Amino acid sequence: FLLDYSWLMWLLNYATLFLERFLWWG
């Protein structure tokens, strides 16, 4: 399903980086 939506995978790519690099600072 995801492979049909390149824009969604692009958003999830940077959402993953945000979660793993920054959000835990909370």
PDB file of all heavy atoms in Angstrom:
ATOM      1  N   PHE A   1       0.836  -1.206   0.000  1.00  0.00           N
ATOM      2  CA  PHE A   1       0.000   0.000   0.000  1.00  0.00           C
ATOM      3  C   PHE A   1       0.866   1.249   0.000  1.00  0.00           C
ATOM      4  O   PHE A   1       0.645   2.181  -0.781  1.00  0.00           O
ATOM      5  CB  PHE A   1      -0.924  -0.010   1.211  1.00  0.00           C
ATOM      6  CG  PHE A   1      -1.580   1.320   1.485  1.00  0.00           C
ATOM      7  CD1 PHE A   1      -2.691   1.723   0.764  1.00  0.00           C
ATOM      8  CD2 PHE A   1      -1.082   2.166   2.474  1.00  0.00           C
ATOM      9  CE1 PHE A   1      -3.298   2.948   1.012  1.00  0.00           C
ATOM     10  CE2 PHE A   1      -1.672   3.385   2.730  1.00  0.00           C
ATOM     11  CZ  PHE A   1      -2.786   3.775   1.998  1.00  0.00           C
ATOM     12  N   LEU A   2       1.874   1.272   0.871  1.00  0.00           N
ATOM     13  CA  LEU A   2       2.741   2.448   0.959  1.00  0.00           C
ATOM     14  C   LEU A   2       3.518   2.675  -0.328  1.00  0.00           C
ATOM     15  O   LEU A   2       3.777   3.821  -0.718  1.00  0.00           O
ATOM     16  CB  LEU A   2       3.716   2.295   2.127  1.00  0.00           C
ATOM     17  CG  LEU A   2       3.226   2.658   3.533  1.00  0.00           C
ATOM     18  CD1 LEU A   2       4.355   2.510   4.527  1.00  0.00           C
ATOM     19  CD2 LEU A   2       2.658   4.061   3.564  1.00  0.00           C
ATOM     20  N   LEU A   3       3.908   1.606  -0.988  1.00  0.00           N
ATOM     21  CA  LEU A   3       4.723   1.738  -2.190  1.00  0.00           C
ATOM     22  C   LEU A   3       3.991   2.451  -3.326  1.00  0.00           C
ATOM     23  O   LEU A   3       4.621   2.920  -4.272  1.00  0.00           O
ATOM     24  CB  LEU A   3       5.184   0.352  -2.655  1.00  0.00           C
ATOM     25  CG  LEU A   3       6.191  -0.353  -1.729  1.00  0.00           C
ATOM     26  CD1 LEU A   3       6.462  -1.767  -2.202  1.00  0.00           C
ATOM     27  CD2 LEU A   3       7.487   0.442  -1.636  1.00  0.00           C
ATOM     28  N   ASP A   4       2.672   2.554  -3.207  1.00  0.00           N
ATOM     29  CA  ASP A   4       1.890   3.268  -4.229  1.00  0.00           C
ATOM     30  C   ASP A   4       1.841   4.772  -3.967  1.00  0.00           C
ATOM     31  O   ASP A   4       1.312   5.521  -4.792  1.00  0.00           O
ATOM     32  CB  ASP A   4       0.461   2.718  -4.286  1.00  0.00           C
ATOM     33  CG  ASP A   4       0.412   1.306  -4.851  1.00  0.00           C
ATOM     34  OD1 ASP A   4       1.304   0.972  -5.650  1.00  0.00           O
ATOM     35  OD2 ASP A   4      -0.489   0.544  -4.480  1.00  0.00           O
ATOM     36  N   TYR A   5       2.367   5.211  -2.817  1.00  0.00           N
ATOM     37  CA  TYR A   5       2.281   6.625  -2.450  1.00  0.00           C
ATOM     38  C   TYR A   5       3.669   7.128  -2.062  1.00  0.00           C
ATOM     39  O   TYR A   5       4.055   7.104  -0.891  1.00  0.00           O
ATOM     40  CB  TYR A   5       1.303   6.824  -1.292  1.00  0.00           C
ATOM     41  CG  TYR A   5      -0.104   6.402  -1.624  1.00  0.00           C
ATOM     42  CD1 TYR A   5      -0.541   5.102  -1.332  1.00  0.00           C
ATOM     43  CD2 TYR A   5      -0.997   7.270  -2.243  1.00  0.00           C
ATOM     44  CE1 TYR A   5      -1.832   4.701  -1.643  1.00  0.00           C
ATOM     45  CE2 TYR A   5      -2.289   6.876  -2.556  1.00  0.00           C
ATOM     46  CZ  TYR A   5      -2.696   5.590  -2.252  1.00  0.00           C
ATOM     47  OH  TYR A   5      -3.979   5.189  -2.564  1.00  0.00           O
ATOM     48  N   SER A   6       4.412   7.589  -3.046  1.00  0.00           N
ATOM     49  CA  SER A   6       5.789   8.041  -2.808  1.00  0.00           C
ATOM     50  C   SER A   6       5.826   9.244  -1.874  1.00  0.00           C
ATOM     51  O   SER A   6       6.734   9.374  -1.037  1.00  0.00           O
ATOM     52  CB  SER A   6       6.480   8.374  -4.127  1.00  0.00           C
ATOM     53  OG  SER A   6       5.747   9.357  -4.841  1.00  0.00           O
ATOM     54  N   TRP A   7       4.842  10.122  -1.981  1.00  0.00           N
ATOM     55  CA  TRP A   7       4.829  11.312  -1.125  1.00  0.00           C
ATOM     56  C   TRP A   7       4.623  10.939   0.335  1.00  0.00           C
ATOM     57  O   TRP A   7       5.192  11.569   1.235  1.00  0.00           O
ATOM     58  CB  TRP A   7       3.728  12.275  -1.585  1.00  0.00           C
ATOM     59  CG  TRP A   7       2.331  11.713  -1.476  1.00  0.00           C
ATOM     60  CD1 TRP A   7       1.649  11.024  -2.425  1.00  0.00           C
ATOM     61  CD2 TRP A   7       1.462  11.781  -0.316  1.00  0.00           C
ATOM     62  NE1 TRP A   7       0.405  10.655  -1.972  1.00  0.00           N
ATOM     63  CE2 TRP A   7       0.263  11.125  -0.676  1.00  0.00           C
ATOM     64  CE3 TRP A   7       1.575  12.347   0.949  1.00  0.00           C
ATOM     65  CZ2 TRP A   7      -0.801  10.988   0.204  1.00  0.00           C
ATOM     66  CZ3 TRP A   7       0.512  12.217   1.823  1.00  0.00           C
ATOM     67  CH2 TRP A   7      -0.656  11.549   1.448  1.00  0.00           C
ATOM     68  N   LEU A   8       3.816   9.892   0.582  1.00  0.00           N
ATOM     69  CA  LEU A   8       3.571   9.457   1.957  1.00  0.00           C
ATOM     70  C   LEU A   8       4.830   8.832   2.554  1.00  0.00           C
ATOM     71  O   LEU A   8       5.157   9.075   3.724  1.00  0.00           O
ATOM     72  CB  LEU A   8       2.409   8.466   1.987  1.00  0.00           C
ATOM     73  CG  LEU A   8       1.979   7.942   3.362  1.00  0.00           C
ATOM     74  CD1 LEU A   8       1.640   9.092   4.305  1.00  0.00           C
ATOM     75  CD2 LEU A   8       0.787   6.992   3.220  1.00  0.00           C
ATOM     76  N   MET A   9       5.539   8.048   1.763  1.00  0.00           N
ATOM     77  CA  MET A   9       6.792   7.458   2.250  1.00  0.00           C
ATOM     78  C   MET A   9       7.826   8.551   2.533  1.00  0.00           C
ATOM     79  O   MET A   9       8.609   8.436   3.484  1.00  0.00           O
ATOM     80  CB  MET A   9       7.336   6.447   1.229  1.00  0.00           C
ATOM     81  CG  MET A   9       6.540   5.161   1.153  1.00  0.00           C
ATOM     82  SD  MET A   9       7.327   3.911   0.112  1.00  0.00           S
ATOM     83  CE  MET A   9       7.118   4.652  -1.505  1.00  0.00           C
ATOM     84  N   TRP A  10       7.821   9.595   1.715  1.00  0.00           N
ATOM     85  CA  TRP A  10       8.736  10.717   1.950  1.00  0.00           C
ATOM     86  C   TRP A  10       8.423  11.388   3.282  1.00  0.00           C
ATOM     87  O   TRP A  10       9.324  11.690   4.067  1.00  0.00           O
ATOM     88  CB  TRP A  10       8.611  11.703   0.793  1.00  0.00           C
ATOM     89  CG  TRP A  10       9.593  12.840   0.837  1.00  0.00           C
ATOM     90  CD1 TRP A  10      10.842  12.858   0.324  1.00  0.00           C
ATOM     91  CD2 TRP A  10       9.378  14.133   1.443  1.00  0.00           C
ATOM     92  NE1 TRP A  10      11.448  14.072   0.558  1.00  0.00           N
ATOM     93  CE2 TRP A  10      10.568  14.882   1.245  1.00  0.00           C
ATOM     94  CE3 TRP A  10       8.320  14.719   2.114  1.00  0.00           C
ATOM     95  CZ2 TRP A  10      10.709  16.180   1.712  1.00  0.00           C
ATOM     96  CZ3 TRP A  10       8.465  16.016   2.585  1.00  0.00           C
ATOM     97  CH2 TRP A  10       9.637  16.735   2.376  1.00  0.00           C
ATOM     98  N   LEU A  11       7.143  11.611   3.566  1.00  0.00           N
ATOM     99  CA  LEU A  11       6.751  12.208   4.845  1.00  0.00           C
ATOM    100  C   LEU A  11       7.107  11.294   6.018  1.00  0.00           C
ATOM    101  O   LEU A  11       7.622  11.759   7.052  1.00  0.00           O
ATOM    102  CB  LEU A  11       5.244  12.481   4.849  1.00  0.00           C
ATOM    103  CG  LEU A  11       4.739  13.661   4.009  1.00  0.00           C
ATOM    104  CD1 LEU A  11       3.213  13.732   4.067  1.00  0.00           C
ATOM    105  CD2 LEU A  11       5.342  14.979   4.519  1.00  0.00           C
ATOM    106  N   LEU A  12       6.852  10.004   5.870  1.00  0.00           N
ATOM    107  CA  LEU A  12       7.164   9.057   6.945  1.00  0.00           C
ATOM    108  C   LEU A  12       8.670   8.947   7.163  1.00  0.00           C
ATOM    109  O   LEU A  12       9.123   8.695   8.286  1.00  0.00           O
ATOM    110  CB  LEU A  12       6.580   7.684   6.616  1.00  0.00           C
ATOM    111  CG  LEU A  12       5.050   7.587   6.666  1.00  0.00           C
ATOM    112  CD1 LEU A  12       4.580   6.218   6.194  1.00  0.00           C
ATOM    113  CD2 LEU A  12       4.529   7.870   8.072  1.00  0.00           C
ATOM    114  N   ASN A  13       9.445   9.134   6.113  1.00  0.00           N
ATOM    115  CA  ASN A  13      10.902   9.133   6.236  1.00  0.00           C
ATOM    116  C   ASN A  13      11.355  10.206   7.227  1.00  0.00           C
ATOM    117  O   ASN A  13      12.109   9.932   8.177  1.00  0.00           O
ATOM    118  CB  ASN A  13      11.525   9.379   4.861  1.00  0.00           C
ATOM    119  CG  ASN A  13      13.040   9.439   4.894  1.00  0.00           C
ATOM    120  OD1 ASN A  13      13.726   8.459   4.631  1.00  0.00           O
ATOM    121  ND2 ASN A  13      13.601  10.605   5.189  1.00  0.00           N
ATOM    122  N   TYR A  14      10.878  11.430   7.035  1.00  0.00           N
ATOM    123  CA  TYR A  14      11.315  12.525   7.903  1.00  0.00           C
ATOM    124  C   TYR A  14      10.599  12.507   9.255  1.00  0.00           C
ATOM    125  O   TYR A  14      11.149  12.993  10.255  1.00  0.00           O
ATOM    126  CB  TYR A  14      11.140  13.858   7.183  1.00  0.00           C
ATOM    127  CG  TYR A  14      12.127  14.005   6.054  1.00  0.00           C
ATOM    128  CD1 TYR A  14      11.727  13.872   4.727  1.00  0.00           C
ATOM    129  CD2 TYR A  14      13.475  14.205   6.325  1.00  0.00           C
ATOM    130  CE1 TYR A  14      12.649  13.970   3.692  1.00  0.00           C
ATOM    131  CE2 TYR A  14      14.401  14.313   5.299  1.00  0.00           C
ATOM    132  CZ  TYR A  14      13.993  14.192   3.990  1.00  0.00           C
ATOM    133  OH  TYR A  14      14.918  14.279   2.975  1.00  0.00           O
ATOM    134  N   ALA A  15       9.393  11.926   9.306  1.00  0.00           N
ATOM    135  CA  ALA A  15       8.728  11.744  10.602  1.00  0.00           C
ATOM    136  C   ALA A  15       9.517  10.762  11.463  1.00  0.00           C
ATOM    137  O   ALA A  15       9.674  10.960  12.681  1.00  0.00           O
ATOM    138  CB  ALA A  15       7.301  11.241  10.390  1.00  0.00           C
ATOM    139  N   THR A  16      10.046   9.711  10.833  1.00  0.00           N
ATOM    140  CA  THR A  16      10.875   8.740  11.560  1.00  0.00           C
ATOM    141  C   THR A  16      12.137   9.394  12.097  1.00  0.00           C
ATOM    142  O   THR A  16      12.523   9.188  13.260  1.00  0.00           O
ATOM    143  CB  THR A  16      11.247   7.571  10.631  1.00  0.00           C
ATOM    144  OG1 THR A  16      10.055   6.914  10.193  1.00  0.00           O
ATOM    145  CG2 THR A  16      12.137   6.571  11.351  1.00  0.00           C
ATOM    146  N   LEU A  17      12.793  10.208  11.273  1.00  0.00           N
ATOM    147  CA  LEU A  17      13.991  10.911  11.738  1.00  0.00           C
ATOM    148  C   LEU A  17      13.676  11.858  12.887  1.00  0.00           C
ATOM    149  O   LEU A  17      14.454  11.975  13.845  1.00  0.00           O
ATOM    150  CB  LEU A  17      14.619  11.692  10.576  1.00  0.00           C
ATOM    151  CG  LEU A  17      15.216  10.867   9.425  1.00  0.00           C
ATOM    152  CD1 LEU A  17      15.819  11.789   8.379  1.00  0.00           C
ATOM    153  CD2 LEU A  17      16.260   9.892   9.941  1.00  0.00           C
ATOM    154  N   PHE A  18      12.525  12.522  12.823  1.00  0.00           N
ATOM    155  CA  PHE A  18      12.138  13.441  13.898  1.00  0.00           C
ATOM    156  C   PHE A  18      11.910  12.680  15.196  1.00  0.00           C
ATOM    157  O   PHE A  18      12.359  13.114  16.275  1.00  0.00           O
ATOM    158  CB  PHE A  18      10.870  14.202  13.496  1.00  0.00           C
ATOM    159  CG  PHE A  18      10.364  15.129  14.562  1.00  0.00           C
ATOM    160  CD1 PHE A  18      11.013  16.317  14.852  1.00  0.00           C
ATOM    161  CD2 PHE A  18       9.232  14.795  15.305  1.00  0.00           C
ATOM    162  CE1 PHE A  18      10.558  17.162  15.853  1.00  0.00           C
ATOM    163  CE2 PHE A  18       8.763  15.636  16.300  1.00  0.00           C
ATOM    164  CZ  PHE A  18       9.425  16.820  16.579  1.00  0.00           C
ATOM    165  N   LEU A  19      11.231  11.541  15.107  1.00  0.00           N
ATOM    166  CA  LEU A  19      10.975  10.737  16.302  1.00  0.00           C
ATOM    167  C   LEU A  19      12.265  10.216  16.917  1.00  0.00           C
ATOM    168  O   LEU A  19      12.441  10.235  18.138  1.00  0.00           O
ATOM    169  CB  LEU A  19      10.069   9.560  15.948  1.00  0.00           C
ATOM    170  CG  LEU A  19       8.578   9.862  15.766  1.00  0.00           C
ATOM    171  CD1 LEU A  19       7.881   8.705  15.073  1.00  0.00           C
ATOM    172  CD2 LEU A  19       7.926  10.118  17.111  1.00  0.00           C
ATOM    173  N   GLU A  20      13.180   9.746  16.071  1.00  0.00           N
ATOM    174  CA  GLU A  20      14.384   9.104  16.587  1.00  0.00           C
ATOM    175  C   GLU A  20      15.477  10.095  16.986  1.00  0.00           C
ATOM    176  O   GLU A  20      16.330   9.763  17.816  1.00  0.00           O
ATOM    177  CB  GLU A  20      14.927   8.134  15.541  1.00  0.00           C
ATOM    178  CG  GLU A  20      14.018   6.940  15.313  1.00  0.00           C
ATOM    179  CD  GLU A  20      14.573   5.936  14.323  1.00  0.00           C
ATOM    180  OE1 GLU A  20      15.545   6.276  13.596  1.00  0.00           O
ATOM    181  OE2 GLU A  20      14.051   4.816  14.267  1.00  0.00           O
ATOM    182  N   ARG A  21      15.445  11.288  16.433  1.00  0.00           N
ATOM    183  CA  ARG A  21      16.522  12.233  16.728  1.00  0.00           C
ATOM    184  C   ARG A  21      16.130  13.368  17.669  1.00  0.00           C
ATOM    185  O   ARG A  21      16.997  13.911  18.363  1.00  0.00           O
ATOM    186  CB  ARG A  21      17.047  12.841  15.419  1.00  0.00           C
ATOM    187  CG  ARG A  21      17.751  11.856  14.518  1.00  0.00           C
ATOM    188  CD  ARG A  21      18.212  12.518  13.233  1.00  0.00           C
ATOM    189  NE  ARG A  21      18.900  11.586  12.344  1.00  0.00           N
ATOM    190  CZ  ARG A  21      19.330  11.886  11.125  1.00  0.00           C
ATOM    191  NH1 ARG A  21      19.143  13.119  10.651  1.00  0.00           N
ATOM    192  NH2 ARG A  21      19.939  10.988  10.388  1.00  0.00           N
ATOM    193  N   PHE A  22      14.856  13.720  17.702  1.00  0.00           N
ATOM    194  CA  PHE A  22      14.483  14.943  18.426  1.00  0.00           C
ATOM    195  C   PHE A  22      13.359  14.766  19.449  1.00  0.00           C
ATOM    196  O   PHE A  22      13.450  15.331  20.537  1.00  0.00           O
ATOM    197  CB  PHE A  22      14.076  16.032  17.420  1.00  0.00           C
ATOM    198  CG  PHE A  22      15.131  16.356  16.412  1.00  0.00           C
ATOM    199  CD1 PHE A  22      14.991  15.970  15.086  1.00  0.00           C
ATOM    200  CD2 PHE A  22      16.287  17.023  16.785  1.00  0.00           C
ATOM    201  CE1 PHE A  22      15.961  16.262  14.150  1.00  0.00           C
ATOM    202  CE2 PHE A  22      17.278  17.323  15.854  1.00  0.00           C
ATOM    203  CZ  PHE A  22      17.111  16.941  14.536  1.00  0.00           C
ATOM    204  N   LEU A  23      12.328  14.031  19.130  1.00  0.00           N
ATOM    205  CA  LEU A  23      11.139  14.041  19.983  1.00  0.00           C
ATOM    206  C   LEU A  23      11.413  13.527  21.385  1.00  0.00           C
ATOM    207  O   LEU A  23      10.813  13.998  22.355  1.00  0.00           O
ATOM    208  CB  LEU A  23      10.013  13.229  19.329  1.00  0.00           C
ATOM    209  CG  LEU A  23       8.636  13.354  19.993  1.00  0.00           C
ATOM    210  CD1 LEU A  23       8.169  14.810  20.015  1.00  0.00           C
ATOM    211  CD2 LEU A  23       7.605  12.474  19.287  1.00  0.00           C
ATOM    212  N   TRP A  24      12.335  12.560  21.516  1.00  0.00           N
ATOM    213  CA  TRP A  24      12.625  12.000  22.832  1.00  0.00           C
ATOM    214  C   TRP A  24      13.206  13.039  23.802  1.00  0.00           C
ATOM    215  O   TRP A  24      13.233  12.812  25.019  1.00  0.00           O
ATOM    216  CB  TRP A  24      13.579  10.807  22.715  1.00  0.00           C
ATOM    217  CG  TRP A  24      14.824  11.068  21.940  1.00  0.00           C
ATOM    218  CD1 TRP A  24      15.054  10.760  20.630  1.00  0.00           C
ATOM    219  CD2 TRP A  24      16.038  11.697  22.414  1.00  0.00           C
ATOM    220  NE1 TRP A  24      16.323  11.144  20.246  1.00  0.00           N
ATOM    221  CE2 TRP A  24      16.940  11.722  21.327  1.00  0.00           C
ATOM    222  CE3 TRP A  24      16.434  12.220  23.643  1.00  0.00           C
ATOM    223  CZ2 TRP A  24      18.228  12.261  21.435  1.00  0.00           C
ATOM    224  CZ3 TRP A  24      17.708  12.757  23.755  1.00  0.00           C
ATOM    225  CH2 TRP A  24      18.577  12.783  22.663  1.00  0.00           C
ATOM    226  N   TRP A  25      13.660  14.182  23.264  1.00  0.00           N
ATOM    227  CA  TRP A  25      14.145  15.247  24.156  1.00  0.00           C
ATOM    228  C   TRP A  25      13.042  15.701  25.120  1.00  0.00           C
ATOM    229  O   TRP A  25      13.339  16.281  26.167  1.00  0.00           O
ATOM    230  CB  TRP A  25      14.641  16.433  23.329  1.00  0.00           C
ATOM    231  CG  TRP A  25      15.996  16.226  22.731  1.00  0.00           C
ATOM    232  CD1 TRP A  25      16.282  15.737  21.495  1.00  0.00           C
ATOM    233  CD2 TRP A  25      17.262  16.488  23.360  1.00  0.00           C
ATOM    234  NE1 TRP A  25      17.639  15.676  21.295  1.00  0.00           N
ATOM    235  CE2 TRP A  25      18.271  16.141  22.423  1.00  0.00           C
ATOM    236  CE3 TRP A  25      17.646  16.986  24.600  1.00  0.00           C
ATOM    237  CZ2 TRP A  25      19.628  16.272  22.704  1.00  0.00           C
ATOM    238  CZ3 TRP A  25      19.005  17.125  24.878  1.00  0.00           C
ATOM    239  CH2 TRP A  25      19.970  16.773  23.938  1.00  0.00           C
ATOM    240  N   GLY A  26      11.797  15.440  24.760  1.00  0.00           N
ATOM    241  CA  GLY A  26      10.696  15.791  25.655  1.00  0.00           C
ATOM    242  C   GLY A  26      10.768  15.096  26.999  1.00  0.00           C
ATOM    243  O   GLY A  26      10.224  15.597  27.997  1.00  0.00           O
TER     244      GLY A  26
END
